[in-house]
PDB file of N, CA and C in Angstrom:
ATOM      1  N   MET A   1     143.916  71.467 -20.635  1.00  0.00           N
ATOM      2  CA  MET A   1     143.526  70.296 -21.392  1.00  0.00           C
ATOM      3  C   MET A   1     144.517  70.110 -22.532  1.00  0.00           C
ATOM      4  N   LEU A   2     144.946  68.886 -22.698  1.00  0.00           N
ATOM      5  CA  LEU A   2     145.852  68.534 -23.791  1.00  0.00           C
ATOM      6  C   LEU A   2     145.060  67.789 -24.848  1.00  0.00           C
ATOM      7  N   VAL A   3     145.082  68.301 -26.051  1.00  0.00           N
ATOM      8  CA  VAL A   3     144.383  67.643 -27.151  1.00  0.00           C
ATOM      9  C   VAL A   3     145.424  67.275 -28.188  1.00  0.00           C
ATOM     10  N   TYR A   4     145.425  66.018 -28.580  1.00  0.00           N
ATOM     11  CA  TYR A   4     146.389  65.558 -29.569  1.00  0.00           C
ATOM     12  C   TYR A   4     145.671  64.722 -30.604  1.00  0.00           C
ATOM     13  N   PRO A   5     145.266  65.333 -31.703  1.00  0.00           N
ATOM     14  CA  PRO A   5     144.588  64.555 -32.738  1.00  0.00           C
ATOM     15  C   PRO A   5     145.563  63.632 -33.450  1.00  0.00           C
ATOM     16  N   SER A   6     145.093  62.480 -33.811  1.00  0.00           N
ATOM     17  CA  SER A   6     145.933  61.551 -34.552  1.00  0.00           C
ATOM     18  C   SER A   6     145.064  60.724 -35.494  1.00  0.00           C
ATOM     19  N   ALA A   7     145.715  60.044 -36.392  1.00  0.00           N
ATOM     20  CA  ALA A   7     145.002  59.209 -37.344  1.00  0.00           C
ATOM     21  C   ALA A   7     145.886  58.037 -37.732  1.00  0.00           C
ATOM     22  N   VAL A   8     145.244  56.962 -38.091  1.00  0.00           N
ATOM     23  CA  VAL A   8     145.941  55.776 -38.563  1.00  0.00           C
ATOM     24  C   VAL A   8     145.294  55.373 -39.879  1.00  0.00           C
ATOM     25  N   ASP A   9     146.095  55.242 -40.909  1.00  0.00           N
ATOM     26  CA  ASP A   9     145.570  54.812 -42.200  1.00  0.00           C
ATOM     27  C   ASP A   9     145.250  53.321 -42.149  1.00  0.00           C
ATOM     28  N   LEU A  10     144.039  52.979 -42.538  1.00  0.00           N
ATOM     29  CA  LEU A  10     143.616  51.583 -42.578  1.00  0.00           C
ATOM     30  C   LEU A  10     142.933  51.301 -43.906  1.00  0.00           C
ATOM     31  N   PHE A  11     143.122  50.099 -44.390  1.00  0.00           N
ATOM     32  CA  PHE A  11     142.366  49.665 -45.551  1.00  0.00           C
ATOM     33  C   PHE A  11     140.909  49.503 -45.137  1.00  0.00           C
ATOM     34  N   SER A  12     139.986  49.700 -46.060  1.00  0.00           N
ATOM     35  CA  SER A  12     138.560  49.567 -45.756  1.00  0.00           C
ATOM     36  C   SER A  12     138.243  48.191 -45.179  1.00  0.00           C
ATOM     37  N   ARG A  13     138.869  47.156 -45.721  1.00  0.00           N
ATOM     38  CA  ARG A  13     138.621  45.797 -45.240  1.00  0.00           C
ATOM     39  C   ARG A  13     139.049  45.652 -43.774  1.00  0.00           C
ATOM     40  N   THR A  14     140.189  46.211 -43.439  1.00  0.00           N
ATOM     41  CA  THR A  14     140.675  46.151 -42.062  1.00  0.00           C
ATOM     42  C   THR A  14     139.757  46.931 -41.138  1.00  0.00           C
ATOM     43  N   LEU A  15     139.325  48.092 -41.565  1.00  0.00           N
ATOM     44  CA  LEU A  15     138.435  48.910 -40.756  1.00  0.00           C
ATOM     45  C   LEU A  15     137.116  48.194 -40.492  1.00  0.00           C
ATOM     46  N   ARG A  16     136.570  47.559 -41.517  1.00  0.00           N
ATOM     47  CA  ARG A  16     135.323  46.803 -41.331  1.00  0.00           C
ATOM     48  C   ARG A  16     135.527  45.658 -40.346  1.00  0.00           C
ATOM     49  N   HIS A  17     136.674  44.982 -40.436  1.00  0.00           N
ATOM     50  CA  HIS A  17     136.957  43.873 -39.520  1.00  0.00           C
ATOM     51  C   HIS A  17     137.080  44.379 -38.082  1.00  0.00           C
ATOM     52  N   LEU A  18     137.790  45.474 -37.898  1.00  0.00           N
ATOM     53  CA  LEU A  18     138.010  45.999 -36.551  1.00  0.00           C
ATOM     54  C   LEU A  18     136.767  46.621 -35.944  1.00  0.00           C
ATOM     55  N   SER A  19     135.869  47.104 -36.777  1.00  0.00           N
ATOM     56  CA  SER A  19     134.672  47.746 -36.246  1.00  0.00           C
ATOM     57  C   SER A  19     133.691  46.724 -35.686  1.00  0.00           C
ATOM     58  N   GLY A  20     133.825  45.450 -36.051  1.00  0.00           N
ATOM     59  CA  GLY A  20     133.007  44.395 -35.471  1.00  0.00           C
ATOM     60  C   GLY A  20     131.612  44.330 -36.015  1.00  0.00           C
ATOM     61  N   ASP A  21     130.788  43.549 -35.346  1.00  0.00           N
ATOM     62  CA  ASP A  21     129.419  43.311 -35.753  1.00  0.00           C
ATOM     63  C   ASP A  21     128.480  44.364 -35.172  1.00  0.00           C
ATOM     64  N   THR A  22     127.299  44.427 -35.749  1.00  0.00           N
ATOM     65  CA  THR A  22     126.263  45.313 -35.213  1.00  0.00           C
ATOM     66  C   THR A  22     125.660  44.653 -33.975  1.00  0.00           C
ATOM     67  N   TYR A  23     124.951  45.445 -33.186  1.00  0.00           N
ATOM     68  CA  TYR A  23     124.288  44.877 -32.006  1.00  0.00           C
ATOM     69  C   TYR A  23     123.305  43.785 -32.418  1.00  0.00           C
ATOM     70  N   ALA A  24     122.638  43.997 -33.537  1.00  0.00           N
ATOM     71  CA  ALA A  24     121.662  43.010 -34.002  1.00  0.00           C
ATOM     72  C   ALA A  24     122.340  41.676 -34.322  1.00  0.00           C
ATOM     73  N   ARG A  25     123.493  41.733 -35.001  1.00  0.00           N
ATOM     74  CA  ARG A  25     124.203  40.489 -35.336  1.00  0.00           C
ATOM     75  C   ARG A  25     124.757  39.815 -34.087  1.00  0.00           C
ATOM     76  N   LEU A  26     125.298  40.613 -33.171  1.00  0.00           N
ATOM     77  CA  LEU A  26     125.791  40.030 -31.918  1.00  0.00           C
ATOM     78  C   LEU A  26     124.655  39.389 -31.130  1.00  0.00           C
ATOM     79  N   ALA A  27     123.538  40.087 -31.052  1.00  0.00           N
ATOM     80  CA  ALA A  27     122.382  39.551 -30.329  1.00  0.00           C
ATOM     81  C   ALA A  27     121.908  38.237 -30.951  1.00  0.00           C
ATOM     82  N   ALA A  28     121.821  38.202 -32.264  1.00  0.00           N
ATOM     83  CA  ALA A  28     121.392  36.980 -32.944  1.00  0.00           C
ATOM     84  C   ALA A  28     122.389  35.850 -32.725  1.00  0.00           C
ATOM     85  N   GLY A  29     123.667  36.174 -32.776  1.00  0.00           N
ATOM     86  CA  GLY A  29     124.698  35.152 -32.595  1.00  0.00           C
ATOM     87  C   GLY A  29     124.687  34.533 -31.212  1.00  0.00           C
ATOM     88  N   PHE A  30     124.368  35.333 -30.209  1.00  0.00           N
ATOM     89  CA  PHE A  30     124.337  34.820 -28.838  1.00  0.00           C
ATOM     90  C   PHE A  30     122.928  34.481 -28.368  1.00  0.00           C
ATOM     91  N   ARG A  31     121.964  34.659 -29.280  1.00  0.00           N
ATOM     92  CA  ARG A  31     120.553  34.369 -28.982  1.00  0.00           C
ATOM     93  C   ARG A  31     120.052  35.153 -27.778  1.00  0.00           C
ATOM     94  N   ILE A  32     120.326  36.458 -27.799  1.00  0.00           N
ATOM     95  CA  ILE A  32     119.853  37.374 -26.771  1.00  0.00           C
ATOM     96  C   ILE A  32     119.210  38.560 -27.473  1.00  0.00           C
ATOM     97  N   GLY A  33     118.530  39.403 -26.717  1.00  0.00           N
ATOM     98  CA  GLY A  33     117.913  40.586 -27.295  1.00  0.00           C
ATOM     99  C   GLY A  33     118.959  41.646 -27.631  1.00  0.00           C
ATOM    100  N   ILE A  34     118.587  42.534 -28.529  1.00  0.00           N
ATOM    101  CA  ILE A  34     119.499  43.603 -28.931  1.00  0.00           C
ATOM    102  C   ILE A  34     119.816  44.502 -27.737  1.00  0.00           C
ATOM    103  N   ALA A  35     118.809  44.826 -26.930  1.00  0.00           N
ATOM    104  CA  ALA A  35     119.035  45.670 -25.754  1.00  0.00           C
ATOM    105  C   ALA A  35     119.998  44.994 -24.780  1.00  0.00           C
ATOM    106  N   THR A  36     119.865  43.684 -24.624  1.00  0.00           N
ATOM    107  CA  THR A  36     120.764  42.945 -23.739  1.00  0.00           C
ATOM    108  C   THR A  36     122.190  42.984 -24.266  1.00  0.00           C
ATOM    109  N   ALA A  37     122.356  42.806 -25.571  1.00  0.00           N
ATOM    110  CA  ALA A  37     123.687  42.885 -26.176  1.00  0.00           C
ATOM    111  C   ALA A  37     124.285  44.263 -25.935  1.00  0.00           C
ATOM    112  N   TYR A  38     123.474  45.310 -26.125  1.00  0.00           N
ATOM    113  CA  TYR A  38     123.947  46.668 -25.881  1.00  0.00           C
ATOM    114  C   TYR A  38     124.392  46.833 -24.430  1.00  0.00           C
ATOM    115  N   HIS A  39     123.598  46.355 -23.493  1.00  0.00           N
ATOM    116  CA  HIS A  39     123.938  46.502 -22.066  1.00  0.00           C
ATOM    117  C   HIS A  39     125.195  45.728 -21.708  1.00  0.00           C
ATOM    118  N   TYR A  40     125.362  44.531 -22.246  1.00  0.00           N
ATOM    119  CA  TYR A  40     126.579  43.751 -21.981  1.00  0.00           C
ATOM    120  C   TYR A  40     127.817  44.479 -22.497  1.00  0.00           C
ATOM    121  N   ILE A  41     127.713  45.020 -23.701  1.00  0.00           N
ATOM    122  CA  ILE A  41     128.848  45.745 -24.275  1.00  0.00           C
ATOM    123  C   ILE A  41     129.136  46.995 -23.461  1.00  0.00           C
ATOM    124  N   ARG A  42     128.102  47.726 -23.073  1.00  0.00           N
ATOM    125  CA  ARG A  42     128.271  48.934 -22.264  1.00  0.00           C
ATOM    126  C   ARG A  42     128.930  48.607 -20.925  1.00  0.00           C
ATOM    127  N   GLU A  43     128.509  47.510 -20.286  1.00  0.00           N
ATOM    128  CA  GLU A  43     129.111  47.093 -19.017  1.00  0.00           C
ATOM    129  C   GLU A  43     130.584  46.755 -19.202  1.00  0.00           C
ATOM    130  N   ALA A  44     130.914  46.071 -20.283  1.00  0.00           N
ATOM    131  CA  ALA A  44     132.309  45.710 -20.540  1.00  0.00           C
ATOM    132  C   ALA A  44     133.158  46.956 -20.767  1.00  0.00           C
ATOM    133  N   ILE A  45     132.641  47.907 -21.511  1.00  0.00           N
ATOM    134  CA  ILE A  45     133.377  49.152 -21.763  1.00  0.00           C
ATOM    135  C   ILE A  45     133.572  49.925 -20.461  1.00  0.00           C
ATOM    136  N   ASP A  46     132.524  50.008 -19.647  1.00  0.00           N
ATOM    137  CA  ASP A  46     132.637  50.709 -18.364  1.00  0.00           C
ATOM    138  C   ASP A  46     133.657  50.040 -17.455  1.00  0.00           C
ATOM    139  N   LEU A  47     133.679  48.704 -17.445  1.00  0.00           N
ATOM    140  CA  LEU A  47     134.648  47.974 -16.626  1.00  0.00           C
ATOM    141  C   LEU A  47     136.072  48.236 -17.101  1.00  0.00           C
ATOM    142  N   LEU A  48     136.290  48.160 -18.400  1.00  0.00           N
ATOM    143  CA  LEU A  48     137.623  48.439 -18.944  1.00  0.00           C
ATOM    144  C   LEU A  48     138.056  49.870 -18.654  1.00  0.00           C
ATOM    145  N   ALA A  49     137.124  50.802 -18.758  1.00  0.00           N
ATOM    146  CA  ALA A  49     137.454  52.203 -18.478  1.00  0.00           C
ATOM    147  C   ALA A  49     137.819  52.391 -17.008  1.00  0.00           C
ATOM    148  N   ALA A  50     137.132  51.694 -16.118  1.00  0.00           N
ATOM    149  CA  ALA A  50     137.432  51.806 -14.689  1.00  0.00           C
ATOM    150  C   ALA A  50     138.807  51.217 -14.364  1.00  0.00           C
ATOM    151  N   LEU A  51     139.219  50.207 -15.101  1.00  0.00           N
ATOM    152  CA  LEU A  51     140.509  49.562 -14.850  1.00  0.00           C
ATOM    153  C   LEU A  51     141.665  50.270 -15.536  1.00  0.00           C
ATOM    154  N   ALA A  52     141.363  51.125 -16.477  1.00  0.00           N
ATOM    155  CA  ALA A  52     142.405  51.811 -17.242  1.00  0.00           C
ATOM    156  C   ALA A  52     143.119  52.838 -16.365  1.00  0.00           C
ATOM    157  N   PRO A  53     144.401  53.011 -16.597  1.00  0.00           N
ATOM    158  CA  PRO A  53     145.119  54.018 -15.815  1.00  0.00           C
ATOM    159  C   PRO A  53     144.691  55.432 -16.214  1.00  0.00           C
ATOM    160  N   THR A  54     144.869  56.357 -15.294  1.00  0.00           N
ATOM    161  CA  THR A  54     144.626  57.756 -15.622  1.00  0.00           C
ATOM    162  C   THR A  54     145.756  58.236 -16.520  1.00  0.00           C
ATOM    163  N   LEU A  55     145.589  59.393 -17.115  1.00  0.00           N
ATOM    164  CA  LEU A  55     146.644  59.939 -17.959  1.00  0.00           C
ATOM    165  C   LEU A  55     147.910  60.149 -17.132  1.00  0.00           C
ATOM    166  N   GLU A  56     147.758  60.625 -15.908  1.00  0.00           N
ATOM    167  CA  GLU A  56     148.913  60.848 -15.034  1.00  0.00           C
ATOM    168  C   GLU A  56     149.658  59.534 -14.759  1.00  0.00           C
ATOM    169  N   GLN A  57     148.917  58.475 -14.484  1.00  0.00           N
ATOM    170  CA  GLN A  57     149.537  57.169 -14.235  1.00  0.00           C
ATOM    171  C   GLN A  57     150.241  56.647 -15.485  1.00  0.00           C
ATOM    172  N   ALA A  58     149.608  56.811 -16.628  1.00  0.00           N
ATOM    173  CA  ALA A  58     150.211  56.347 -17.878  1.00  0.00           C
ATOM    174  C   ALA A  58     151.498  57.103 -18.167  1.00  0.00           C
ATOM    175  N   MET A  59     151.494  58.416 -17.954  1.00  0.00           N
ATOM    176  CA  MET A  59     152.704  59.202 -18.184  1.00  0.00           C
ATOM    177  C   MET A  59     153.818  58.813 -17.219  1.00  0.00           C
ATOM    178  N   ALA A  60     153.477  58.509 -15.967  1.00  0.00           N
ATOM    179  CA  ALA A  60     154.474  58.069 -14.992  1.00  0.00           C
ATOM    180  C   ALA A  60     155.099  56.750 -15.435  1.00  0.00           C
ATOM    181  N   THR A  61     154.293  55.860 -15.977  1.00  0.00           N
ATOM    182  CA  THR A  61     154.801  54.587 -16.471  1.00  0.00           C
ATOM    183  C   THR A  61     155.762  54.808 -17.633  1.00  0.00           C
ATOM    184  N   VAL A  62     155.396  55.691 -18.535  1.00  0.00           N
ATOM    185  CA  VAL A  62     156.262  55.992 -19.682  1.00  0.00           C
ATOM    186  C   VAL A  62     157.581  56.562 -19.197  1.00  0.00           C
ATOM    187  N   ARG A  63     157.522  57.481 -18.238  1.00  0.00           N
ATOM    188  CA  ARG A  63     158.772  58.081 -17.717  1.00  0.00           C
ATOM    189  C   ARG A  63     159.680  57.024 -17.102  1.00  0.00           C
ATOM    190  N   ARG A  64     159.089  56.107 -16.339  1.00  0.00           N
ATOM    191  CA  ARG A  64     159.885  55.041 -15.703  1.00  0.00           C
ATOM    192  C   ARG A  64     160.517  54.141 -16.752  1.00  0.00           C
ATOM    193  N   ARG A  65     159.818  53.849 -17.787  1.00  0.00           N
ATOM    194  CA  ARG A  65     160.345  52.942 -18.820  1.00  0.00           C
ATOM    195  C   ARG A  65     161.419  53.585 -19.671  1.00  0.00           C
ATOM    196  N   ARG A  66     161.445  54.899 -19.732  1.00  0.00           N
ATOM    197  CA  ARG A  66     162.434  55.607 -20.540  1.00  0.00           C
ATOM    198  C   ARG A  66     163.776  55.705 -19.830  1.00  0.00           C
ATOM    199  N   THR A  67     163.789  55.528 -18.525  1.00  0.00           N
ATOM    200  CA  THR A  67     165.054  55.683 -17.783  1.00  0.00           C
ATOM    201  C   THR A  67     165.744  54.365 -17.562  1.00  0.00           C
TER     202      THR A  67
END
C-alpha cells in the first residue's frame, strides 16, 4: 500500500465555498427531502468513482505523457 499524505493551504472563505451546502440547504433549494438529496449525492459520487481510472491506469497515463 502506498500512502502519500498531502495538504493544500486554503483561506477559510475558500474552504467554506468549496465545501458546498448542507444536505438540508440542498434539499430545500431543490424542494426535495433531505434523504433524497443524500441519495442523489451518494449516487453521483458512486458513478464518478466507477468512472474514475484505477491507480494503475492513472500512473500509465502519467508515464505516457512524460515521454
